[in-house]
Amino acid sequence: MKLLTFRPPRARTGHFGVLLSGNRILDVSALAGRKLPATLLECIQKGDSALAAVKAAAADAEAALTRGEQLPQIFALDAVTFEAPLIPGKIMAVGKNYADHAAEGSGQAYTRVAGFIKVSSCVVPNGASIHKPAWTESFDYENELAIVIGRECSDVAPAAAYDYVFGYTIMNDLSCRDVQSAERQEGNICIGKNFPTAAPLGPWIVTKDEIPDPHNLRIVTRVNGEVRQNGTTANQIHRIPAQIAWYSHAGFQPGDLISSGTPAGTGMGYKGPGTWYLQHGDRVECEIEGIGVLANTVTTRKRRG
C-alpha cells in the first residue's frame, strides 16, 4: 500500500489516507465507527493489526468504487494538498554510500556505515517550496531511498534488520556544499545539511511488502526536466541491513528514518559549463522505482536580521 498524509479541499489539518487505483485517495481519518488508526504514524506504531485494518478498508473502498458507488471519503489525488507522510523523531543519514558519488567529492568512500543526523524540523512535503539559503552558492540535491522504521529497537543484528522495516519513501537530502565542506574541515557536518526545508519527504510511504528487494530500484533525478542522476540502489556500498544494525545503536522508534545515500549526478560532481547547483525557480523531481516522484520548486530565502 501507499500511505500518505494530505489535506482535503478546505481542510486545515492533515488526514491519513491510502492511495487507491485511478489516483484516488481513501480518507482513512474520515471513516468513523471503524477501529482504524487516526494518523500514519499511529498506523506504524500499532503494528500489523492496524495495517491489516487499513488494508481491509482500502479493499472495501475499491470494491465499492467498482460497483459505481459514490463515497464521500474518496478524493482525487490532484484535488488535495500533500503534507509530509510523517515527521520522524530522527533521521539518520548515510554518507558516501555510492562509490560513484564518493568520487564526485573527496573520492574516498567510508569503510563502514557513517554519515550525519538530519533534524526533523527540516522536513517538508511533496509540492512544497524548498528555500535556497542566501548564504550558500552551492545548493545541491541528493535523491535518496529512505527506510521507515516500524518497531522500537536497538542493537539489531543485520540478519534481523528487515523485521524492523515498515516501508520506504523518498528524501531529497538538500545540501549547501560550501558550508558542508567548511564544516568538515573542523570534523562535523551540521548547518550544511540542516536548514529550513532541507529534507523534502514523500510523496507517500510504500509498505515493505510492495518492495521485496529495495536494492533493485532505479533512482532518477530531474531538474527542470533534465536528467541529472540516473542510478540504482543495487550500487549501495553498505546495504540496508548494515545501515539498520549500525544506527540502531542509537535506538529507533516507530517512524524514524534512515536516508540511505545518493548516486552520482549531483551538482557537486558536474564539470561542464555553467552550474548544476540549484537556482531560484528550479523544479527538482526525485523519482525512485516502485515509490513515485517527490517534486519541489526552489525559491531563494533572504537573510533575516
Foldseek 3Di string as FASTA:
>chain_A
DWWFWWAAPPRDGTFIWDQAPPQKIQRPCPPPPFPEDGAPLVLLQVPDVNVVSRVVVRVVVVVCVVVVDDDPRMDHNVRIGGWFSDQFQWEAEWEQQFQQACCLPPNDGDPATDDAIEHSQQEGEFAEAAADEPPAPFKKWFKFKKWFFRAWFAQDQLVCQVVGTFFIWIKIQIFRVVVQVVVVVVPDGDVRRYDHNRIYIDSTTDGCVLPVDQQAKWKWKDKVRHTQDTDTSVRGNHDDSRVCNVVRNVIGHGGYMYTRTGHDRMQSRDDDPDTPGDDAFIKMWIDMPSGGIRIHGYHYDYDDD
